[in-house]
């Protein structure tokens, strides 16, 4: 099976003003597409050509660098587009919220400590 570049689940302008359309077009249409193209070239004529990206990623360390880098890049970017969206985000709910509240007191405190850890 040849891998294909998944369509964005929203317009390239949907994340403005946080991410502009040009950045989305380049990152999706060129950067992510390069991972797909290079992955397909790396698996052409090999047994992994018949595997899903999830099956490849389950055993990613056994594959050559071209499959690891491009397979991982394709999978991660596919996830990246799916977890972002217009009017998305906000405080977590359920078990994740409970864990954050138990560890940090509340979501705002978690964000502050996370930002500080990243900055320092």
PDB file of N, CA and C in Angstrom:
ATOM      1  N   UNK A   1       0.843  -1.169   0.000  1.00  0.00           N
ATOM      2  CA  UNK A   1       0.000   0.000   0.000  1.00  0.00           C
ATOM      3  C   UNK A   1       0.887   1.230   0.000  1.00  0.00           C
ATOM      4  N   UNK A   2       0.625   2.131  -0.872  1.00  0.00           N
ATOM      5  CA  UNK A   2       1.361   3.395  -0.862  1.00  0.00           C
ATOM      6  C   UNK A   2       0.674   4.346   0.114  1.00  0.00           C
ATOM      7  N   UNK A   3       1.480   5.045   0.853  1.00  0.00           N
ATOM      8  CA  UNK A   3       0.932   6.026   1.778  1.00  0.00           C
ATOM      9  C   UNK A   3       0.587   7.296   1.019  1.00  0.00           C
ATOM     10  N   UNK A   4      -0.407   8.005   1.505  1.00  0.00           N
ATOM     11  CA  UNK A   4      -0.828   9.254   0.882  1.00  0.00           C
ATOM     12  C   UNK A   4      -0.850  10.357   1.925  1.00  0.00           C
ATOM     13  N   UNK A   5      -0.703  11.565   1.454  1.00  0.00           N
ATOM     14  CA  UNK A   5      -0.782  12.724   2.334  1.00  0.00           C
ATOM     15  C   UNK A   5      -2.238  12.911   2.728  1.00  0.00           C
ATOM     16  N   UNK A   6      -2.550  12.856   4.023  1.00  0.00           N
ATOM     17  CA  UNK A   6      -3.944  13.048   4.421  1.00  0.00           C
ATOM     18  C   UNK A   6      -4.362  14.500   4.207  1.00  0.00           C
ATOM     19  N   UNK A   7      -5.601  14.677   3.866  1.00  0.00           N
ATOM     20  CA  UNK A   7      -6.128  16.030   3.727  1.00  0.00           C
ATOM     21  C   UNK A   7      -6.195  16.680   5.103  1.00  0.00           C
ATOM     22  N   UNK A   8      -5.983  17.986   5.140  1.00  0.00           N
ATOM     23  CA  UNK A   8      -6.177  18.700   6.401  1.00  0.00           C
ATOM     24  C   UNK A   8      -7.651  18.627   6.779  1.00  0.00           C
ATOM     25  N   UNK A   9      -7.957  18.448   8.049  1.00  0.00           N
ATOM     26  CA  UNK A   9      -9.363  18.373   8.460  1.00  0.00           C
ATOM     27  C   UNK A   9     -10.021  19.749   8.613  1.00  0.00           C
ATOM     28  N   UNK A  10      -9.335  20.784   8.179  1.00  0.00           N
ATOM     29  CA  UNK A  10      -9.840  22.152   8.248  1.00  0.00           C
ATOM     30  C   UNK A  10      -9.088  22.965   7.207  1.00  0.00           C
ATOM     31  N   UNK A  11      -9.577  24.151   6.937  1.00  0.00           N
ATOM     32  CA  UNK A  11      -8.953  25.038   5.954  1.00  0.00           C
ATOM     33  C   UNK A  11      -7.584  25.503   6.448  1.00  0.00           C
ATOM     34  N   UNK A  12      -6.695  25.820   5.526  1.00  0.00           N
ATOM     35  CA  UNK A  12      -5.368  26.295   5.916  1.00  0.00           C
ATOM     36  C   UNK A  12      -5.435  27.612   6.685  1.00  0.00           C
ATOM     37  N   UNK A  13      -6.535  28.323   6.569  1.00  0.00           N
ATOM     38  CA  UNK A  13      -6.710  29.593   7.286  1.00  0.00           C
ATOM     39  C   UNK A  13      -7.364  29.409   8.657  1.00  0.00           C
ATOM     40  N   UNK A  14      -7.782  28.202   8.973  1.00  0.00           N
ATOM     41  CA  UNK A  14      -8.591  27.956  10.177  1.00  0.00           C
ATOM     42  C   UNK A  14      -7.865  28.237  11.484  1.00  0.00           C
ATOM     43  N   UNK A  15      -6.556  28.193  11.492  1.00  0.00           N
ATOM     44  CA  UNK A  15      -5.817  28.368  12.748  1.00  0.00           C
ATOM     45  C   UNK A  15      -5.253  29.778  12.903  1.00  0.00           C
ATOM     46  N   UNK A  16      -5.578  30.658  11.966  1.00  0.00           N
ATOM     47  CA  UNK A  16      -5.141  32.054  12.093  1.00  0.00           C
ATOM     48  C   UNK A  16      -5.851  32.698  13.274  1.00  0.00           C
ATOM     49  N   UNK A  17      -5.223  33.570  14.001  1.00  0.00           N
ATOM     50  CA  UNK A  17      -3.934  34.210  13.754  1.00  0.00           C
ATOM     51  C   UNK A  17      -2.755  33.453  14.348  1.00  0.00           C
ATOM     52  N   UNK A  18      -2.973  32.293  14.938  1.00  0.00           N
ATOM     53  CA  UNK A  18      -1.895  31.555  15.600  1.00  0.00           C
ATOM     54  C   UNK A  18      -0.935  30.915  14.600  1.00  0.00           C
ATOM     55  N   UNK A  19      -1.473  30.326  13.559  1.00  0.00           N
ATOM     56  CA  UNK A  19      -0.660  29.743  12.484  1.00  0.00           C
ATOM     57  C   UNK A  19      -1.263  30.232  11.176  1.00  0.00           C
ATOM     58  N   UNK A  20      -0.465  30.962  10.397  1.00  0.00           N
ATOM     59  CA  UNK A  20      -0.993  31.551   9.169  1.00  0.00           C
ATOM     60  C   UNK A  20      -1.110  30.515   8.050  1.00  0.00           C
ATOM     61  N   UNK A  21      -1.909  30.830   7.062  1.00  0.00           N
ATOM     62  CA  UNK A  21      -2.201  29.917   5.954  1.00  0.00           C
ATOM     63  C   UNK A  21      -0.934  29.499   5.218  1.00  0.00           C
ATOM     64  N   UNK A  22      -0.013  30.408   4.980  1.00  0.00           N
ATOM     65  CA  UNK A  22       1.212  30.088   4.242  1.00  0.00           C
ATOM     66  C   UNK A  22       2.032  29.044   4.993  1.00  0.00           C
ATOM     67  N   UNK A  23       2.135  29.217   6.303  1.00  0.00           N
ATOM     68  CA  UNK A  23       2.855  28.232   7.117  1.00  0.00           C
ATOM     69  C   UNK A  23       2.179  26.870   7.025  1.00  0.00           C
ATOM     70  N   UNK A  24       0.870  26.846   7.111  1.00  0.00           N
ATOM     71  CA  UNK A  24       0.135  25.581   7.002  1.00  0.00           C
ATOM     72  C   UNK A  24       0.349  24.946   5.636  1.00  0.00           C
ATOM     73  N   UNK A  25       0.287  25.742   4.586  1.00  0.00           N
ATOM     74  CA  UNK A  25       0.474  25.218   3.225  1.00  0.00           C
ATOM     75  C   UNK A  25       1.863  24.613   3.058  1.00  0.00           C
ATOM     76  N   UNK A  26       2.873  25.299   3.553  1.00  0.00           N
ATOM     77  CA  UNK A  26       4.243  24.791   3.438  1.00  0.00           C
ATOM     78  C   UNK A  26       4.421  23.555   4.315  1.00  0.00           C
ATOM     79  N   UNK A  27       3.971  23.639   5.553  1.00  0.00           N
ATOM     80  CA  UNK A  27       4.199  22.530   6.486  1.00  0.00           C
ATOM     81  C   UNK A  27       3.431  21.274   6.071  1.00  0.00           C
ATOM     82  N   UNK A  28       2.220  21.439   5.592  1.00  0.00           N
ATOM     83  CA  UNK A  28       1.434  20.283   5.178  1.00  0.00           C
ATOM     84  C   UNK A  28       1.825  19.837   3.771  1.00  0.00           C
ATOM     85  N   UNK A  29       1.732  20.750   2.829  1.00  0.00           N
ATOM     86  CA  UNK A  29       1.897  20.397   1.420  1.00  0.00           C
ATOM     87  C   UNK A  29       3.306  20.073   0.988  1.00  0.00           C
ATOM     88  N   UNK A  30       4.293  20.607   1.686  1.00  0.00           N
ATOM     89  CA  UNK A  30       5.680  20.330   1.306  1.00  0.00           C
ATOM     90  C   UNK A  30       6.384  19.460   2.334  1.00  0.00           C
ATOM     91  N   UNK A  31       6.380  19.899   3.590  1.00  0.00           N
ATOM     92  CA  UNK A  31       7.124  19.184   4.624  1.00  0.00           C
ATOM     93  C   UNK A  31       6.530  17.793   4.887  1.00  0.00           C
ATOM     94  N   UNK A  32       5.260  17.733   5.226  1.00  0.00           N
ATOM     95  CA  UNK A  32       4.626  16.437   5.499  1.00  0.00           C
ATOM     96  C   UNK A  32       4.615  15.591   4.224  1.00  0.00           C
ATOM     97  N   UNK A  33       4.334  16.211   3.102  1.00  0.00           N
ATOM     98  CA  UNK A  33       4.312  15.469   1.846  1.00  0.00           C
ATOM     99  C   UNK A  33       5.674  14.835   1.545  1.00  0.00           C
ATOM    100  N   UNK A  34       6.759  15.500   1.919  1.00  0.00           N
ATOM    101  CA  UNK A  34       8.089  14.925   1.707  1.00  0.00           C
ATOM    102  C   UNK A  34       8.265  13.651   2.532  1.00  0.00           C
ATOM    103  N   UNK A  35       7.754  13.636   3.763  1.00  0.00           N
ATOM    104  CA  UNK A  35       7.816  12.415   4.564  1.00  0.00           C
ATOM    105  C   UNK A  35       7.081  11.274   3.869  1.00  0.00           C
ATOM    106  N   UNK A  36       5.907  11.555   3.334  1.00  0.00           N
ATOM    107  CA  UNK A  36       5.106  10.529   2.656  1.00  0.00           C
ATOM    108  C   UNK A  36       5.848  10.022   1.414  1.00  0.00           C
ATOM    109  N   UNK A  37       6.338  10.939   0.607  1.00  0.00           N
ATOM    110  CA  UNK A  37       7.049  10.566  -0.617  1.00  0.00           C
ATOM    111  C   UNK A  37       8.286   9.736  -0.303  1.00  0.00           C
ATOM    112  N   UNK A  38       9.063  10.175   0.677  1.00  0.00           N
ATOM    113  CA  UNK A  38      10.293   9.463   1.028  1.00  0.00           C
ATOM    114  C   UNK A  38      10.017   8.127   1.706  1.00  0.00           C
ATOM    115  N   UNK A  39       8.954   8.038   2.477  1.00  0.00           N
ATOM    116  CA  UNK A  39       8.571   6.761   3.072  1.00  0.00           C
ATOM    117  C   UNK A  39       8.194   5.770   1.984  1.00  0.00           C
ATOM    118  N   UNK A  40       7.379   6.205   1.043  1.00  0.00           N
ATOM    119  CA  UNK A  40       6.989   5.311  -0.048  1.00  0.00           C
ATOM    120  C   UNK A  40       8.207   4.822  -0.820  1.00  0.00           C
ATOM    121  N   UNK A  41       9.170   5.697  -1.060  1.00  0.00           N
ATOM    122  CA  UNK A  41      10.395   5.287  -1.769  1.00  0.00           C
ATOM    123  C   UNK A  41      11.191   4.285  -0.932  1.00  0.00           C
ATOM    124  N   UNK A  42      11.237   4.486   0.385  1.00  0.00           N
ATOM    125  CA  UNK A  42      12.024   3.614   1.263  1.00  0.00           C
ATOM    126  C   UNK A  42      11.440   2.213   1.399  1.00  0.00           C
ATOM    127  N   UNK A  43      10.117   2.071   1.228  1.00  0.00           N
ATOM    128  CA  UNK A  43       9.490   0.758   1.403  1.00  0.00           C
ATOM    129  C   UNK A  43       9.111   0.088   0.081  1.00  0.00           C
ATOM    130  N   UNK A  44       9.347   0.754  -1.019  1.00  0.00           N
ATOM    131  CA  UNK A  44       8.960   0.204  -2.325  1.00  0.00           C
ATOM    132  C   UNK A  44       9.579  -1.171  -2.547  1.00  0.00           C
ATOM    133  N   UNK A  45       8.728  -2.153  -2.862  1.00  0.00           N
ATOM    134  CA  UNK A  45       9.183  -3.508  -3.146  1.00  0.00           C
ATOM    135  C   UNK A  45       9.600  -4.311  -1.929  1.00  0.00           C
ATOM    136  N   UNK A  46       9.359  -3.813  -0.743  1.00  0.00           N
ATOM    137  CA  UNK A  46       9.749  -4.502   0.494  1.00  0.00           C
ATOM    138  C   UNK A  46       8.501  -4.944   1.241  1.00  0.00           C
ATOM    139  N   UNK A  47       8.626  -5.901   2.145  1.00  0.00           N
ATOM    140  CA  UNK A  47       7.456  -6.402   2.872  1.00  0.00           C
ATOM    141  C   UNK A  47       6.670  -5.310   3.604  1.00  0.00           C
ATOM    142  N   UNK A  48       7.366  -4.314   4.127  1.00  0.00           N
ATOM    143  CA  UNK A  48       6.659  -3.266   4.862  1.00  0.00           C
ATOM    144  C   UNK A  48       5.776  -2.397   3.971  1.00  0.00           C
ATOM    145  N   UNK A  49       5.902  -2.583   2.674  1.00  0.00           N
ATOM    146  CA  UNK A  49       5.031  -1.872   1.740  1.00  0.00           C
ATOM    147  C   UNK A  49       3.564  -2.260   1.963  1.00  0.00           C
ATOM    148  N   UNK A  50       3.330  -3.422   2.565  1.00  0.00           N
ATOM    149  CA  UNK A  50       1.975  -3.914   2.799  1.00  0.00           C
ATOM    150  C   UNK A  50       1.481  -3.659   4.223  1.00  0.00           C
ATOM    151  N   UNK A  51       2.240  -2.915   5.003  1.00  0.00           N
ATOM    152  CA  UNK A  51       1.864  -2.646   6.385  1.00  0.00           C
ATOM    153  C   UNK A  51       1.223  -1.276   6.529  1.00  0.00           C
ATOM    154  N   UNK A  52       0.421  -1.129   7.563  1.00  0.00           N
ATOM    155  CA  UNK A  52      -0.119   0.192   7.900  1.00  0.00           C
ATOM    156  C   UNK A  52       0.986   0.993   8.588  1.00  0.00           C
ATOM    157  N   UNK A  53       0.799   2.292   8.686  1.00  0.00           N
ATOM    158  CA  UNK A  53       1.794   3.119   9.376  1.00  0.00           C
ATOM    159  C   UNK A  53       1.859   2.745  10.853  1.00  0.00           C
ATOM    160  N   UNK A  54       0.751   2.333  11.439  1.00  0.00           N
ATOM    161  CA  UNK A  54       0.743   1.907  12.841  1.00  0.00           C
ATOM    162  C   UNK A  54       1.561   0.633  13.016  1.00  0.00           C
ATOM    163  N   UNK A  55       1.445  -0.292  12.066  1.00  0.00           N
ATOM    164  CA  UNK A  55       2.225  -1.530  12.150  1.00  0.00           C
ATOM    165  C   UNK A  55       3.716  -1.246  12.000  1.00  0.00           C
ATOM    166  N   UNK A  56       4.058  -0.334  11.117  1.00  0.00           N
ATOM    167  CA  UNK A  56       5.466   0.047  10.969  1.00  0.00           C
ATOM    168  C   UNK A  56       5.968   0.680  12.263  1.00  0.00           C
ATOM    169  N   UNK A  57       5.194   1.595  12.819  1.00  0.00           N
ATOM    170  CA  UNK A  57       5.631   2.301  14.025  1.00  0.00           C
ATOM    171  C   UNK A  57       5.751   1.392  15.240  1.00  0.00           C
ATOM    172  N   UNK A  58       4.967   0.316  15.306  1.00  0.00           N
ATOM    173  CA  UNK A  58       5.052  -0.625  16.426  1.00  0.00           C
ATOM    174  C   UNK A  58       6.446  -1.221  16.543  1.00  0.00           C
ATOM    175  N   UNK A  59       7.106  -1.408  15.401  1.00  0.00           N
ATOM    176  CA  UNK A  59       8.431  -2.025  15.377  1.00  0.00           C
ATOM    177  C   UNK A  59       9.439  -1.124  14.679  1.00  0.00           C
ATOM    178  N   UNK A  60       9.299   0.164  14.872  1.00  0.00           N
ATOM    179  CA  UNK A  60      10.062   1.138  14.093  1.00  0.00           C
ATOM    180  C   UNK A  60      11.570   0.940  14.197  1.00  0.00           C
ATOM    181  N   UNK A  61      12.066   0.483  15.334  1.00  0.00           N
ATOM    182  CA  UNK A  61      13.514   0.363  15.510  1.00  0.00           C
ATOM    183  C   UNK A  61      14.141  -0.717  14.635  1.00  0.00           C
ATOM    184  N   UNK A  62      13.359  -1.624  14.090  1.00  0.00           N
ATOM    185  CA  UNK A  62      13.933  -2.679  13.256  1.00  0.00           C
ATOM    186  C   UNK A  62      14.115  -2.257  11.796  1.00  0.00           C
ATOM    187  N   UNK A  63      13.639  -1.085  11.449  1.00  0.00           N
ATOM    188  CA  UNK A  63      13.705  -0.636  10.061  1.00  0.00           C
ATOM    189  C   UNK A  63      14.895   0.279   9.816  1.00  0.00           C
ATOM    190  N   UNK A  64      15.298   0.395   8.548  1.00  0.00           N
ATOM    191  CA  UNK A  64      16.388   1.316   8.201  1.00  0.00           C
ATOM    192  C   UNK A  64      16.011   2.766   8.538  1.00  0.00           C
ATOM    193  N   UNK A  65      17.029   3.600   8.639  1.00  0.00           N
ATOM    194  CA  UNK A  65      16.847   5.002   9.030  1.00  0.00           C
ATOM    195  C   UNK A  65      15.818   5.716   8.149  1.00  0.00           C
ATOM    196  N   UNK A  66      15.805   5.466   6.861  1.00  0.00           N
ATOM    197  CA  UNK A  66      14.862   6.152   5.965  1.00  0.00           C
ATOM    198  C   UNK A  66      13.419   5.814   6.321  1.00  0.00           C
ATOM    199  N   UNK A  67      13.168   4.576   6.706  1.00  0.00           N
ATOM    200  CA  UNK A  67      11.811   4.182   7.104  1.00  0.00           C
ATOM    201  C   UNK A  67      11.486   4.785   8.468  1.00  0.00           C
ATOM    202  N   UNK A  68      12.448   4.727   9.384  1.00  0.00           N
ATOM    203  CA  UNK A  68      12.212   5.278  10.728  1.00  0.00           C
ATOM    204  C   UNK A  68      11.924   6.772  10.672  1.00  0.00           C
ATOM    205  N   UNK A  69      12.776   7.512  10.012  1.00  0.00           N
ATOM    206  CA  UNK A  69      12.610   8.968   9.975  1.00  0.00           C
ATOM    207  C   UNK A  69      11.347   9.377   9.230  1.00  0.00           C
ATOM    208  N   UNK A  70      11.132   8.813   8.069  1.00  0.00           N
ATOM    209  CA  UNK A  70       9.994   9.235   7.255  1.00  0.00           C
ATOM    210  C   UNK A  70       8.687   8.623   7.734  1.00  0.00           C
ATOM    211  N   UNK A  71       8.728   7.392   8.223  1.00  0.00           N
ATOM    212  CA  UNK A  71       7.530   6.790   8.798  1.00  0.00           C
ATOM    213  C   UNK A  71       7.101   7.523  10.053  1.00  0.00           C
ATOM    214  N   UNK A  72       8.070   7.806  10.922  1.00  0.00           N
ATOM    215  CA  UNK A  72       7.766   8.554  12.133  1.00  0.00           C
ATOM    216  C   UNK A  72       7.282   9.961  11.820  1.00  0.00           C
ATOM    217  N   UNK A  73       7.922  10.608  10.843  1.00  0.00           N
ATOM    218  CA  UNK A  73       7.503  11.952  10.452  1.00  0.00           C
ATOM    219  C   UNK A  73       6.094  11.976   9.905  1.00  0.00           C
ATOM    220  N   UNK A  74       5.776  10.988   9.086  1.00  0.00           N
ATOM    221  CA  UNK A  74       4.421  10.901   8.524  1.00  0.00           C
ATOM    222  C   UNK A  74       3.395  10.665   9.631  1.00  0.00           C
ATOM    223  N   UNK A  75       3.678   9.715  10.503  1.00  0.00           N
ATOM    224  CA  UNK A  75       2.735   9.407  11.585  1.00  0.00           C
ATOM    225  C   UNK A  75       2.545  10.617  12.505  1.00  0.00           C
ATOM    226  N   UNK A  76       3.659  11.220  12.920  1.00  0.00           N
ATOM    227  CA  UNK A  76       3.575  12.353  13.843  1.00  0.00           C
ATOM    228  C   UNK A  76       2.827  13.530  13.229  1.00  0.00           C
ATOM    229  N   UNK A  77       3.071  13.803  11.958  1.00  0.00           N
ATOM    230  CA  UNK A  77       2.373  14.920  11.328  1.00  0.00           C
ATOM    231  C   UNK A  77       0.890  14.620  11.138  1.00  0.00           C
ATOM    232  N   UNK A  78       0.559  13.383  10.831  1.00  0.00           N
ATOM    233  CA  UNK A  78      -0.855  13.018  10.719  1.00  0.00           C
ATOM    234  C   UNK A  78      -1.563  13.246  12.050  1.00  0.00           C
ATOM    235  N   UNK A  79      -0.897  12.885  13.137  1.00  0.00           N
ATOM    236  CA  UNK A  79      -1.442  13.129  14.473  1.00  0.00           C
ATOM    237  C   UNK A  79      -1.517  14.626  14.761  1.00  0.00           C
ATOM    238  N   UNK A  80      -0.481  15.339  14.390  1.00  0.00           N
ATOM    239  CA  UNK A  80      -0.397  16.786  14.598  1.00  0.00           C
ATOM    240  C   UNK A  80      -1.607  17.498  14.013  1.00  0.00           C
ATOM    241  N   UNK A  81      -1.969  17.182  12.756  1.00  0.00           N
ATOM    242  CA  UNK A  81      -3.116  17.852  12.123  1.00  0.00           C
ATOM    243  C   UNK A  81      -4.412  17.485  12.831  1.00  0.00           C
ATOM    244  N   UNK A  82      -4.491  16.263  13.334  1.00  0.00           N
ATOM    245  CA  UNK A  82      -5.731  15.796  13.952  1.00  0.00           C
ATOM    246  C   UNK A  82      -5.969  16.393  15.337  1.00  0.00           C
ATOM    247  N   UNK A  83      -4.907  16.679  16.075  1.00  0.00           N
ATOM    248  CA  UNK A  83      -5.099  17.155  17.442  1.00  0.00           C
ATOM    249  C   UNK A  83      -5.253  18.668  17.531  1.00  0.00           C
ATOM    250  N   UNK A  84      -4.949  19.366  16.437  1.00  0.00           N
ATOM    251  CA  UNK A  84      -5.167  20.817  16.412  1.00  0.00           C
ATOM    252  C   UNK A  84      -6.464  21.086  15.676  1.00  0.00           C
ATOM    253  N   UNK A  85      -7.052  22.221  15.947  1.00  0.00           N
ATOM    254  CA  UNK A  85      -8.246  22.586  15.217  1.00  0.00           C
ATOM    255  C   UNK A  85      -8.754  23.942  15.637  1.00  0.00           C
ATOM    256  N   UNK A  86      -9.552  24.540  14.789  1.00  0.00           N
ATOM    257  CA  UNK A  86     -10.136  25.822  15.155  1.00  0.00           C
ATOM    258  C   UNK A  86     -11.072  25.644  16.349  1.00  0.00           C
ATOM    259  N   UNK A  87     -11.040  26.585  17.244  1.00  0.00           N
ATOM    260  CA  UNK A  87     -11.879  26.558  18.451  1.00  0.00           C
ATOM    261  C   UNK A  87     -11.642  25.325  19.314  1.00  0.00           C
ATOM    262  N   UNK A  88     -10.457  24.756  19.228  1.00  0.00           N
ATOM    263  CA  UNK A  88     -10.111  23.583  20.030  1.00  0.00           C
ATOM    264  C   UNK A  88      -9.265  24.030  21.218  1.00  0.00           C
ATOM    265  N   UNK A  89      -8.936  23.103  22.040  1.00  0.00           N
ATOM    266  CA  UNK A  89      -8.084  23.404  23.180  1.00  0.00           C
ATOM    267  C   UNK A  89      -8.891  23.653  24.430  1.00  0.00           C
ATOM    268  N   UNK A  90      -8.248  24.286  25.365  1.00  0.00           N
ATOM    269  CA  UNK A  90      -8.885  24.547  26.639  1.00  0.00           C
ATOM    270  C   UNK A  90      -8.434  23.559  27.690  1.00  0.00           C
ATOM    271  N   UNK A  91      -9.030  23.647  28.805  1.00  0.00           N
ATOM    272  CA  UNK A  91      -8.668  22.787  29.925  1.00  0.00           C
ATOM    273  C   UNK A  91      -9.121  21.352  29.665  1.00  0.00           C
ATOM    274  N   UNK A  92      -8.293  20.397  30.067  1.00  0.00           N
ATOM    275  CA  UNK A  92      -8.687  19.000  29.901  1.00  0.00           C
ATOM    276  C   UNK A  92      -9.812  18.629  30.861  1.00  0.00           C
ATOM    277  N   UNK A  93     -10.420  17.491  30.581  1.00  0.00           N
ATOM    278  CA  UNK A  93     -11.490  16.972  31.431  1.00  0.00           C
ATOM    279  C   UNK A  93     -11.174  15.524  31.779  1.00  0.00           C
ATOM    280  N   UNK A  94     -11.977  14.960  32.621  1.00  0.00           N
ATOM    281  CA  UNK A  94     -11.874  13.541  32.946  1.00  0.00           C
ATOM    282  C   UNK A  94     -10.608  13.172  33.685  1.00  0.00           C
ATOM    283  N   UNK A  95     -10.084  11.996  33.372  1.00  0.00           N
ATOM    284  CA  UNK A  95      -8.932  11.441  34.086  1.00  0.00           C
ATOM    285  C   UNK A  95      -7.701  12.333  33.952  1.00  0.00           C
ATOM    286  N   UNK A  96      -7.504  12.930  32.774  1.00  0.00           N
ATOM    287  CA  UNK A  96      -6.351  13.808  32.607  1.00  0.00           C
ATOM    288  C   UNK A  96      -6.460  15.025  33.522  1.00  0.00           C
ATOM    289  N   UNK A  97      -7.632  15.641  33.576  1.00  0.00           N
ATOM    290  CA  UNK A  97      -7.838  16.783  34.467  1.00  0.00           C
ATOM    291  C   UNK A  97      -7.609  16.376  35.922  1.00  0.00           C
ATOM    292  N   UNK A  98      -8.098  15.224  36.300  1.00  0.00           N
ATOM    293  CA  UNK A  98      -7.919  14.741  37.671  1.00  0.00           C
ATOM    294  C   UNK A  98      -6.438  14.574  38.010  1.00  0.00           C
ATOM    295  N   UNK A  99      -5.671  14.012  37.071  1.00  0.00           N
ATOM    296  CA  UNK A  99      -4.242  13.798  37.296  1.00  0.00           C
ATOM    297  C   UNK A  99      -3.499  15.133  37.393  1.00  0.00           C
ATOM    298  N   UNK A 100      -3.833  16.067  36.526  1.00  0.00           N
ATOM    299  CA  UNK A 100      -3.201  17.390  36.569  1.00  0.00           C
ATOM    300  C   UNK A 100      -3.536  18.090  37.874  1.00  0.00           C
ATOM    301  N   UNK A 101      -4.784  18.052  38.273  1.00  0.00           N
ATOM    302  CA  UNK A 101      -5.198  18.704  39.522  1.00  0.00           C
ATOM    303  C   UNK A 101      -4.512  18.080  40.738  1.00  0.00           C
ATOM    304  N   UNK A 102      -4.353  16.762  40.700  1.00  0.00           N
ATOM    305  CA  UNK A 102      -3.688  16.084  41.815  1.00  0.00           C
ATOM    306  C   UNK A 102      -2.215  16.459  41.895  1.00  0.00           C
ATOM    307  N   UNK A 103      -1.572  16.597  40.747  1.00  0.00           N
ATOM    308  CA  UNK A 103      -0.135  16.870  40.729  1.00  0.00           C
ATOM    309  C   UNK A 103       0.204  18.349  40.867  1.00  0.00           C
ATOM    310  N   UNK A 104      -0.642  19.220  40.322  1.00  0.00           N
ATOM    311  CA  UNK A 104      -0.295  20.636  40.234  1.00  0.00           C
ATOM    312  C   UNK A 104      -1.289  21.571  40.926  1.00  0.00           C
ATOM    313  N   UNK A 105      -2.412  21.071  41.349  1.00  0.00           N
ATOM    314  CA  UNK A 105      -3.418  21.909  41.977  1.00  0.00           C
ATOM    315  C   UNK A 105      -4.520  22.310  41.016  1.00  0.00           C
ATOM    316  N   UNK A 106      -4.125  22.784  39.836  1.00  0.00           N
ATOM    317  CA  UNK A 106      -5.106  23.155  38.815  1.00  0.00           C
ATOM    318  C   UNK A 106      -4.396  23.304  37.470  1.00  0.00           C
ATOM    319  N   UNK A 107      -5.162  23.475  36.422  1.00  0.00           N
ATOM    320  CA  UNK A 107      -4.611  23.531  35.073  1.00  0.00           C
ATOM    321  C   UNK A 107      -3.743  24.773  34.872  1.00  0.00           C
ATOM    322  N   UNK A 108      -4.139  25.908  35.423  1.00  0.00           N
ATOM    323  CA  UNK A 108      -3.336  27.122  35.274  1.00  0.00           C
ATOM    324  C   UNK A 108      -1.961  26.960  35.909  1.00  0.00           C
ATOM    325  N   UNK A 109      -1.906  26.315  37.067  1.00  0.00           N
ATOM    326  CA  UNK A 109      -0.618  26.077  37.722  1.00  0.00           C
ATOM    327  C   UNK A 109       0.237  25.117  36.891  1.00  0.00           C
ATOM    328  N   UNK A 110      -0.396  24.102  36.317  1.00  0.00           N
ATOM    329  CA  UNK A 110       0.315  23.186  35.424  1.00  0.00           C
ATOM    330  C   UNK A 110       0.924  23.955  34.256  1.00  0.00           C
ATOM    331  N   UNK A 111       0.136  24.823  33.615  1.00  0.00           N
ATOM    332  CA  UNK A 111       0.628  25.597  32.470  1.00  0.00           C
ATOM    333  C   UNK A 111       1.801  26.490  32.875  1.00  0.00           C
ATOM    334  N   UNK A 112       1.704  27.108  34.020  1.00  0.00           N
ATOM    335  CA  UNK A 112       2.787  27.977  34.494  1.00  0.00           C
ATOM    336  C   UNK A 112       4.070  27.183  34.728  1.00  0.00           C
ATOM    337  N   UNK A 113       3.946  26.041  35.379  1.00  0.00           N
ATOM    338  CA  UNK A 113       5.138  25.215  35.650  1.00  0.00           C
ATOM    339  C   UNK A 113       5.702  24.618  34.360  1.00  0.00           C
ATOM    340  N   UNK A 114       4.847  24.243  33.454  1.00  0.00           N
ATOM    341  CA  UNK A 114       5.283  23.699  32.158  1.00  0.00           C
ATOM    342  C   UNK A 114       6.044  24.775  31.377  1.00  0.00           C
ATOM    343  N   UNK A 115       5.493  25.990  31.325  1.00  0.00           N
ATOM    344  CA  UNK A 115       6.138  27.094  30.618  1.00  0.00           C
ATOM    345  C   UNK A 115       7.488  27.419  31.256  1.00  0.00           C
ATOM    346  N   UNK A 116       7.542  27.439  32.582  1.00  0.00           N
ATOM    347  CA  UNK A 116       8.804  27.713  33.265  1.00  0.00           C
ATOM    348  C   UNK A 116       9.840  26.636  32.984  1.00  0.00           C
ATOM    349  N   UNK A 117       9.418  25.373  33.005  1.00  0.00           N
ATOM    350  CA  UNK A 117      10.353  24.279  32.724  1.00  0.00           C
ATOM    351  C   UNK A 117      10.892  24.383  31.301  1.00  0.00           C
ATOM    352  N   UNK A 118      10.041  24.753  30.371  1.00  0.00           N
ATOM    353  CA  UNK A 118      10.497  24.903  28.999  1.00  0.00           C
ATOM    354  C   UNK A 118      11.442  26.078  28.814  1.00  0.00           C
ATOM    355  N   UNK A 119      11.225  27.142  29.573  1.00  0.00           N
ATOM    356  CA  UNK A 119      12.047  28.339  29.452  1.00  0.00           C
ATOM    357  C   UNK A 119      13.380  28.219  30.177  1.00  0.00           C
ATOM    358  N   UNK A 120      13.436  27.313  31.158  1.00  0.00           N
ATOM    359  CA  UNK A 120      14.663  27.209  31.955  1.00  0.00           C
ATOM    360  C   UNK A 120      15.339  25.862  31.757  1.00  0.00           C
TER     361      UNK A 120
END
